Protein backbone atom coordinates (compact mmCIF):
# COMPACT_ATOMS: atom_id res chain seq x y z
CA MET A 1 0.04 0.22 0.03
CA ASN A 2 1.40 3.45 -1.00
CA VAL A 3 0.59 4.94 2.40
CA LEU A 4 2.57 8.14 1.42
CA LEU A 5 0.12 9.16 -1.37
CA ARG A 6 -3.31 8.30 0.27
CA GLN A 7 -3.66 12.09 1.45
CA GLY A 8 -2.58 13.47 -1.91
CA SER A 9 -4.83 11.18 -3.90
CA ARG A 10 -7.99 12.74 -2.29
CA LEU A 11 -6.93 16.12 -3.87
CA LEU A 12 -7.31 14.57 -7.32
CA ARG A 13 -11.03 14.22 -7.26
CA GLY A 14 -13.23 17.27 -8.18
CA PRO A 15 -14.15 19.12 -11.25
CA SER A 16 -11.52 19.79 -13.85
CA ASP A 17 -10.74 22.55 -16.46
CA PRO A 18 -8.32 21.79 -19.29
CA SER A 19 -5.43 23.56 -17.48
CA ARG A 20 -6.34 21.77 -14.18
CA LEU A 21 -6.43 18.47 -16.29
CA ARG A 22 -2.94 19.07 -17.71
CA ARG A 23 -1.55 19.54 -14.06
CA LEU A 24 -3.28 16.35 -13.01
CA ASN A 25 -1.81 14.50 -15.86
CA ALA A 26 1.64 15.60 -14.82
CA LEU A 27 0.99 14.36 -11.33
CA SER A 28 -0.19 11.12 -12.49
CA VAL A 29 2.87 10.55 -14.74
CA ILE A 30 5.15 11.42 -11.75
CA ASP A 31 3.15 9.06 -9.55
CA VAL A 32 3.52 6.05 -11.94
CA ILE A 33 7.38 6.45 -12.62
CA ARG A 34 8.47 7.34 -9.01
CA HIS A 35 9.64 4.00 -8.52
CA GLU A 36 10.17 2.37 -11.91
CA ALA A 37 11.34 3.59 -15.29
CA LEU A 38 8.74 3.10 -17.73
CA THR A 39 8.40 3.46 -21.67
CA ILE A 40 5.55 6.04 -23.12
CA PRO A 41 3.34 2.96 -23.85
CA ALA A 42 3.67 1.64 -20.33
CA ILE A 43 3.15 5.00 -18.88
CA ALA A 44 0.04 5.28 -21.07
CA ARG A 45 -1.31 2.22 -19.88
CA ALA A 46 -0.54 2.82 -16.22
CA THR A 47 -2.20 6.49 -16.38
CA GLY A 48 -5.03 5.90 -18.68
CA LEU A 49 -3.56 8.68 -20.80
CA SER A 50 -3.25 8.31 -24.66
CA LYS A 51 0.26 7.67 -26.02
CA THR A 52 0.38 11.22 -27.36
CA ALA A 53 -0.64 12.85 -24.29
CA SER A 54 1.76 10.76 -22.24
CA ASP A 55 4.72 11.74 -24.54
CA SER A 56 3.75 15.25 -24.28
CA VAL A 57 3.66 15.27 -20.50
CA VAL A 58 7.05 13.35 -20.39
CA THR A 59 8.66 15.93 -22.57
CA HIS A 60 7.45 18.78 -20.46
CA LEU A 61 8.70 17.16 -17.45
CA LEU A 62 11.93 16.22 -19.15
CA ASP A 63 12.37 19.91 -19.75
CA LEU A 64 11.78 20.89 -16.01
CA GLY A 65 14.09 18.31 -14.70
CA TRP A 66 11.48 16.03 -12.90
CA VAL A 67 12.15 13.15 -15.13
CA THR A 68 15.23 11.69 -16.84
CA ALA A 69 15.70 9.19 -19.69
CA GLU A 70 17.09 5.73 -18.86
CA ASP A 71 19.00 3.38 -21.20
CA PRO A 72 16.53 1.26 -23.08
CA LEU A 73 16.13 -2.58 -21.99
CA ALA A 74 17.87 -4.94 -24.15
CA PRO A 75 15.62 -5.65 -27.50
CA THR A 76 13.42 -8.68 -27.45
CA GLY A 77 12.31 -8.50 -31.09
CA ALA A 78 12.73 -6.30 -34.39
CA GLY A 79 13.20 -2.69 -34.13
CA ARG A 80 14.91 -0.15 -31.75
CA PRO A 81 13.91 -0.37 -28.09
CA ALA A 82 11.80 2.21 -26.54
CA SER A 83 13.35 4.74 -24.27
CA ARG A 84 12.39 4.51 -20.56
CA TYR A 85 11.62 7.36 -18.29
CA ARG A 86 11.96 7.62 -14.43
CA PHE A 87 11.41 10.41 -11.73
CA ARG A 88 14.60 12.16 -10.83
CA ALA A 89 14.51 11.39 -7.07
CA GLU A 90 18.09 12.53 -6.77
CA ALA A 91 16.82 16.17 -7.77
CA ALA A 92 16.98 16.98 -3.99
CA VAL A 93 17.18 15.34 -0.65
CA VAL A 94 14.97 14.97 2.30
CA VAL A 95 16.09 14.36 5.95
CA GLY A 96 14.54 12.30 8.65
CA VAL A 97 15.58 12.88 12.37
CA ASP A 98 14.62 10.69 15.31
CA ILE A 99 15.09 12.13 18.71
CA GLY A 100 14.83 8.97 20.95
CA GLN A 101 15.23 8.25 24.51
CA HIS A 102 18.84 7.51 24.25
CA THR A 103 20.13 8.25 20.77
CA THR A 104 19.45 10.81 17.88
CA ARG A 105 19.45 9.19 14.33
CA VAL A 106 19.68 11.29 11.05
CA VAL A 107 18.91 9.83 7.64
CA ILE A 108 19.33 11.63 4.38
CA ALA A 109 17.22 10.40 1.67
CA ASP A 110 16.27 10.80 -1.99
CA LEU A 111 12.85 12.22 -2.83
CA ASN A 112 11.48 8.70 -3.09
CA GLY A 113 12.63 8.07 0.55
CA ALA A 114 15.54 5.83 -0.53
CA PRO A 115 18.20 6.18 2.18
CA LEU A 116 21.55 7.65 0.99
CA THR A 117 23.33 7.97 4.17
CA ASP A 118 22.75 7.97 7.99
CA GLY A 119 24.23 8.57 11.28
CA VAL A 120 23.37 7.89 15.03
CA ALA A 121 24.90 9.18 18.19
CA ALA A 122 24.23 9.28 21.84
CA ALA A 123 22.15 12.62 22.16
CA ASP A 124 18.73 12.14 23.50
CA ALA A 125 15.37 13.83 24.46
CA ALA A 126 16.88 14.42 28.15
CA SER A 127 19.12 17.02 26.57
CA ASP A 128 18.65 20.80 26.63
CA PRO A 129 16.37 21.42 23.47
CA GLY A 130 18.65 23.97 22.11
CA THR A 131 21.78 21.70 22.51
CA LEU A 132 20.08 18.78 21.06
CA ILE A 133 18.74 20.78 17.97
CA ALA A 134 22.26 22.15 17.34
CA PHE A 135 23.72 18.70 17.46
CA ALA A 136 21.15 17.27 14.90
CA VAL A 137 21.62 20.35 12.66
CA GLU A 138 25.47 19.88 12.93
CA ARG A 139 25.16 16.01 12.13
CA THR A 140 22.74 16.74 9.21
CA GLY A 141 25.34 19.12 7.82
CA GLU A 142 28.18 16.65 8.13
CA LEU A 143 26.12 13.89 6.42
CA LEU A 144 25.06 16.43 3.74
CA GLY A 145 28.78 17.27 3.07
CA ALA A 146 29.88 13.58 2.85
CA LEU A 147 27.23 13.35 -0.07
CA GLY A 148 28.48 16.57 -1.75
CA ARG A 149 25.13 18.23 -0.95
CA ARG A 150 24.15 21.87 0.49
CA ARG A 151 21.68 22.82 2.90
CA GLU A 152 19.76 24.36 -0.11
CA ASP A 153 19.56 20.78 -1.54
CA VAL A 154 17.24 19.79 1.43
CA TRP A 155 13.57 20.40 0.38
CA SER A 156 11.96 18.67 3.54
CA ILE A 157 12.75 17.57 7.19
CA GLY A 158 10.66 15.14 9.06
CA VAL A 159 11.23 14.89 13.05
CA ALA A 160 10.14 12.18 15.24
CA PHE A 161 9.96 13.04 18.92
CA PRO A 162 8.74 11.05 21.79
CA ALA A 163 5.92 13.27 23.07
CA VAL A 164 2.53 14.58 21.91
CA VAL A 165 3.31 17.07 19.29
CA GLU A 166 0.90 19.68 17.56
CA ASP A 167 1.79 21.99 14.83
CA GLY A 168 5.61 21.36 15.43
CA ILE A 169 5.39 22.28 19.11
CA VAL A 170 5.57 19.85 22.12
CA VAL A 171 2.40 19.94 23.76
CA ARG A 172 3.44 17.43 26.62
CA GLY A 173 6.90 16.07 26.92
CA SER A 174 9.59 15.95 29.48
CA HIS A 175 13.02 17.40 30.55
CA GLY A 176 12.09 21.10 29.62
CA TRP A 177 10.55 20.35 26.19
CA ASP A 178 6.87 21.47 26.93
CA GLY A 179 6.04 24.15 24.63
CA PHE A 180 9.21 23.96 22.58
CA ASP A 181 8.82 24.64 18.95
CA ILE A 182 10.79 21.92 17.38
CA ARG A 183 9.56 22.96 13.70
CA ALA A 184 10.72 26.72 14.24
CA ALA A 185 14.20 25.56 15.77
CA PHE A 186 14.98 23.57 12.66
CA SER A 187 13.57 26.18 10.27
CA ALA A 188 16.23 28.64 11.72
CA HIS A 189 18.80 26.41 10.04
CA PHE A 190 17.05 24.89 7.12
CA ASP A 191 14.76 27.04 4.63
CA CYS A 192 12.61 24.18 3.83
CA LEU A 193 9.39 22.35 4.65
CA THR A 194 9.66 20.94 8.37
CA SER A 195 7.23 18.67 9.82
CA VAL A 196 7.28 17.04 13.44
CA ASP A 197 5.22 14.13 14.63
CA ASN A 198 5.17 11.65 17.57
CA ASP A 199 7.71 8.88 17.30
CA SER A 200 5.03 6.17 17.54
CA ASN A 201 3.05 7.77 14.98
CA LEU A 202 5.87 7.79 12.63
CA ALA A 203 6.83 4.23 13.39
CA ALA A 204 3.40 3.17 12.50
CA LEU A 205 3.63 5.08 9.15
CA ALA A 206 7.13 3.33 8.65
CA GLU A 207 5.69 -0.23 9.35
CA ALA A 208 2.90 0.56 6.69
CA TRP A 209 5.19 2.10 4.10
CA LYS A 210 8.25 -0.30 4.43
CA GLY A 211 7.63 -2.51 7.33
CA SER A 212 5.70 -5.31 8.63
CA ALA A 213 2.40 -4.17 7.48
CA THR A 214 2.78 -3.01 3.90
CA GLU A 215 -0.44 -4.71 2.90
CA SER A 216 -2.55 -3.17 5.85
CA HIS A 217 -4.98 -0.47 5.70
CA GLY A 218 -5.28 -0.47 9.50
CA LEU A 219 -2.64 -1.20 12.10
CA VAL A 220 -1.71 -0.46 15.78
CA TYR A 221 2.11 -0.04 16.37
CA VAL A 222 3.12 -0.61 19.97
CA HIS A 223 6.55 0.48 21.00
CA SER A 224 7.77 -1.65 24.00
CA GLY A 225 11.08 -0.69 25.49
CA GLU A 226 11.87 1.37 28.42
CA ARG A 227 8.48 2.96 27.94
CA THR A 228 5.44 1.94 26.11
CA GLY A 229 3.52 4.06 23.44
CA SER A 230 1.34 3.49 20.38
CA GLY A 231 0.72 4.74 16.98
CA LEU A 232 -2.26 4.09 14.70
CA ILE A 233 -2.90 3.65 10.98
CA LEU A 234 -6.48 3.73 9.93
CA ASN A 235 -7.77 3.60 6.52
CA GLY A 236 -4.16 3.98 5.32
CA GLU A 237 -3.40 7.10 6.86
CA VAL A 238 -1.76 8.03 10.27
CA PHE A 239 -4.57 8.65 12.85
CA ARG A 240 -3.44 11.66 15.01
CA GLY A 241 -6.87 12.89 16.39
CA THR A 242 -7.85 16.41 16.47
CA ARG A 243 -4.72 17.64 18.61
CA GLY A 244 -2.07 14.80 18.11
CA ALA A 245 -2.76 12.59 20.96
CA ALA A 246 -4.67 9.81 19.26
CA GLY A 247 -3.24 6.54 20.91
CA GLU A 248 -1.83 8.13 24.01
CA ILE A 249 -3.86 5.79 26.23
CA GLY A 250 -0.65 4.94 28.10
CA ALA A 251 -0.96 8.15 29.99
CA LEU A 252 -4.19 6.56 31.87
CA PRO A 253 -2.45 4.95 35.14
CA GLN A 254 -5.28 2.47 35.08
CA LEU A 255 -4.00 0.74 32.10
CA GLY A 256 -0.66 0.15 33.78
CA TRP A 257 1.68 0.79 30.75
CA GLU A 258 4.06 2.92 33.18
CA SER A 259 3.79 0.67 36.17
CA ALA A 260 4.37 -2.50 34.03
CA GLN A 261 8.07 -1.71 33.77
CA GLN A 262 8.27 -2.64 37.57
CA HIS A 263 7.89 -6.36 36.74
CA LEU A 264 11.22 -6.24 34.71
CA ARG A 265 13.32 -4.68 37.39
CA GLY A 266 15.33 -6.38 40.13
CA VAL A 267 14.26 -9.93 39.37
CA GLN A 268 15.97 -12.54 41.53
CA VAL A 269 16.62 -15.60 39.90
CA ASP A 270 17.54 -19.16 41.41
CA ASP A 271 21.32 -18.61 41.43
CA GLY A 272 20.63 -15.30 43.48
CA ARG A 273 21.50 -12.88 40.63
CA LEU A 274 19.27 -9.72 40.44
CA LEU A 275 18.35 -9.17 36.59
CA GLU A 276 17.24 -6.03 35.01
CA ARG A 277 15.14 -5.62 31.80
CA ALA A 278 17.14 -6.95 29.10
CA GLN A 279 18.61 -9.62 31.35
CA VAL A 280 15.31 -10.67 32.48
CA PHE A 281 14.24 -11.49 28.86
CA GLU A 282 17.62 -13.50 28.66
CA GLY A 283 16.82 -15.22 31.93
CA ALA A 284 13.37 -15.98 30.62
CA ARG A 285 14.98 -17.54 27.45
CA ASP A 286 17.11 -19.69 29.68
CA GLY A 287 14.12 -20.92 31.62
CA HIS A 288 14.70 -19.29 34.88
CA PRO A 289 11.08 -19.63 36.63
CA ALA A 290 11.34 -16.20 38.11
CA ALA A 291 12.30 -14.57 34.83
CA VAL A 292 9.61 -16.46 33.01
CA ALA A 293 6.94 -15.27 35.48
CA ALA A 294 8.41 -11.53 35.35
CA VAL A 295 8.06 -11.57 31.46
CA ASP A 296 4.39 -13.06 31.75
CA ALA A 297 3.46 -10.44 34.33
CA PHE A 298 4.79 -7.47 32.25
CA ALA A 299 3.04 -8.91 29.08
CA GLU A 300 -0.20 -9.22 30.85
CA ALA A 301 0.17 -5.64 32.11
CA ILE A 302 0.51 -4.01 28.69
CA ALA A 303 -1.97 -6.41 27.01
CA THR A 304 -4.84 -4.49 28.46
CA GLY A 305 -3.96 -1.41 26.79
CA ILE A 306 -3.32 -3.09 23.42
CA ALA A 307 -6.47 -5.00 23.46
CA ALA A 308 -8.33 -1.63 24.09
CA LEU A 309 -6.79 -0.24 21.28
CA VAL A 310 -7.74 -3.29 19.12
CA LEU A 311 -11.35 -3.30 20.33
CA THR A 312 -11.51 0.44 19.45
CA VAL A 313 -10.17 0.68 15.96
CA ASP A 314 -10.36 -3.03 14.76
CA PRO A 315 -6.96 -3.28 13.04
CA ASP A 316 -5.74 -5.69 10.57
CA VAL A 317 -2.46 -6.26 12.51
CA VAL A 318 -0.66 -5.09 15.76
CA VAL A 319 3.12 -4.48 15.09
CA VAL A 320 5.38 -4.47 18.08
CA GLY A 321 8.51 -2.71 18.18
CA GLY A 322 11.08 -1.27 20.60
CA GLY A 323 13.92 -2.67 22.65
CA ASN A 324 11.87 -5.56 24.31
CA THR A 325 10.95 -7.34 20.86
CA ARG A 326 14.87 -8.36 20.59
CA ALA A 327 13.65 -11.11 22.83
CA GLY A 328 11.55 -12.38 20.18
CA ASP A 329 8.80 -15.06 20.91
CA VAL A 330 10.16 -15.14 24.64
CA PHE A 331 8.28 -11.93 24.83
CA LEU A 332 5.80 -11.98 21.86
CA GLU A 333 4.30 -15.41 22.86
CA PRO A 334 3.06 -14.35 26.29
CA LEU A 335 1.99 -11.17 24.90
CA ARG A 336 -0.15 -12.71 22.14
CA ARG A 337 -1.73 -15.01 24.60
CA HIS A 338 -2.91 -12.22 26.83
CA VAL A 339 -4.12 -10.05 24.23
CA ASP A 340 -6.01 -12.92 22.54
CA ALA A 341 -7.71 -13.61 26.03
CA LEU A 342 -8.84 -10.03 26.20
CA CYS A 343 -10.29 -9.66 22.59
CA ILE A 344 -13.65 -11.15 23.64
CA VAL A 345 -15.80 -9.78 20.90
CA ARG A 346 -13.50 -10.67 17.83
CA GLU A 347 -10.44 -12.83 17.25
CA ALA A 348 -7.24 -11.01 18.03
CA PRO A 349 -5.38 -9.66 14.77
CA PRO A 350 -1.99 -11.04 14.13
CA LEU A 351 0.62 -9.67 16.50
CA VAL A 352 3.96 -9.42 14.76
CA LEU A 353 7.46 -8.11 15.22
CA SER A 354 8.50 -4.88 13.61
CA SER A 355 10.86 -5.57 10.76
CA LEU A 356 12.41 -2.15 11.08
CA GLN A 357 13.30 -2.32 14.74
CA GLU A 358 15.14 0.67 16.03
CA ARG A 359 14.98 2.43 12.46
CA ALA A 360 11.31 2.60 12.46
CA SER A 361 10.76 5.99 13.73
CA VAL A 362 13.42 7.58 11.69
CA THR A 363 12.14 5.81 8.67
CA GLY A 364 8.74 7.34 9.39
CA ALA A 365 10.51 10.61 9.74
CA VAL A 366 11.83 10.25 6.18
CA GLY A 367 8.38 9.21 5.09
CA LEU A 368 6.94 12.38 6.61
CA ALA A 369 9.33 14.40 4.90
CA VAL A 370 8.70 12.82 1.44
CA THR A 371 4.95 13.24 2.10
CA SER A 372 5.37 16.79 2.82
CA VAL A 373 7.28 17.35 -0.69
CA LEU A 374 4.40 15.43 -2.53
CA GLN A 375 1.59 17.34 -0.64
CA ARG A 376 3.34 20.69 -1.71
CA LEU A 377 3.61 19.47 -5.09
CA TYR A 378 -0.12 18.71 -5.12
CA ASP A 379 -0.86 22.02 -3.37
CA VAL A 380 1.21 24.05 -6.16
CA LEU A 381 -0.43 22.29 -9.23
CA LEU A 382 -3.89 22.01 -7.81
CA GLY A 383 -3.69 25.62 -6.73
CA GLY A 384 -3.20 26.73 -10.38
CA GLU A 385 0.48 27.46 -10.38
CA THR A 386 2.85 25.92 -12.82
CA LEU A 387 4.94 23.03 -12.07
CA PRO A 388 8.29 24.44 -10.72
CA ARG A 389 11.81 23.31 -12.22
CA ALA A 390 13.34 20.39 -10.15
CA ASP A 391 16.85 21.46 -11.00
CA GLY A 392 16.40 25.09 -9.86
CA SER A 393 16.44 26.44 -6.47
CA GLY A 394 13.51 24.48 -5.22
CA MET A 395 11.64 27.74 -4.18
CA ALA A 396 8.46 25.84 -4.05
CA PHE A 397 9.51 23.66 -1.13
CA ARG A 398 10.93 26.55 0.95
CA ALA A 399 9.24 27.08 4.42
CA GLY A 400 7.56 30.23 3.55
CA ALA A 401 6.42 29.21 -0.02
CA PRO A 402 2.73 29.47 -0.66
CA GLY A 403 0.68 26.32 -1.00
């Protein structure tokens, strides 16, 4: 499922005049060649346009730098092989930043979201906001330099942060972040589109885009590590609610997500050792009864909130990520069992491990950045403006550009 294009596709509906149709045709062609080089006949088949119209649109996009010609495939019969055309994803770059509990990750990607380079360092959300943003900006600059890119080549930045975020501002966080405007902080250094969202929301986006739930239209993502959080995909889109707090049921003490961590602390096994979280899972794998009981109690404690989400949004799948998933079925088996027992009005959906693991949130941040570029492109064209040059200054994707 192309979860990144769900929002933009809605904008393609509506009355059309000839000028608008030409702009829509350009969007349609860009869409079908974003991930695969196609010939003019193949583009015509994929878009429903005539070959003549497809050729005209491709010629226009070539002139503007949005499309480039690829070498033809080897001939399979008589005649010269047809040229193929692809979207110039290398025309600019996007940046994904994940400000985590213990590390900050930065990924530079092309306009399709394909990673070009990345970096990770021990700089976390407990740091002073200004210091951490400065670090992320510096690391991004270093990675851009290694690619031979400039800050002007960045068209969009997506940021994942472990808190409720509304309009780029931390609504409720910790360690001095409440009220901090993350979007404005990045915009002071990069004149481009900047979007910020909760890390679990973006992990959910990543799982639907490139992870364990690419065929799902509805999923619950659960982060299970030193904290427990969740994000939702409904009808193929991230569901944030009216103020960005959808899925934040862990804030309710009655559900026990915060207190559940106590089950994984100071667990004494039969040889007298006291085990902490990661060691508890290892002890359970080794069959220590106290560790097995502790993991089961932890799974039971967080299962209530997961089941509540399942019975509220009725997803296709539950994807579990975070540090605890390194334990595999030692953790997943009791969790599945307890969630199954609580889903009393329907069979519990499959509960699967994240395939992206610790890269889920930063992958979602990249997806958010790509989506912002696509959305601005839709807004520009459907607002009556002409398609900007892809190899120019990228003014349509600057922070203050209309659209």
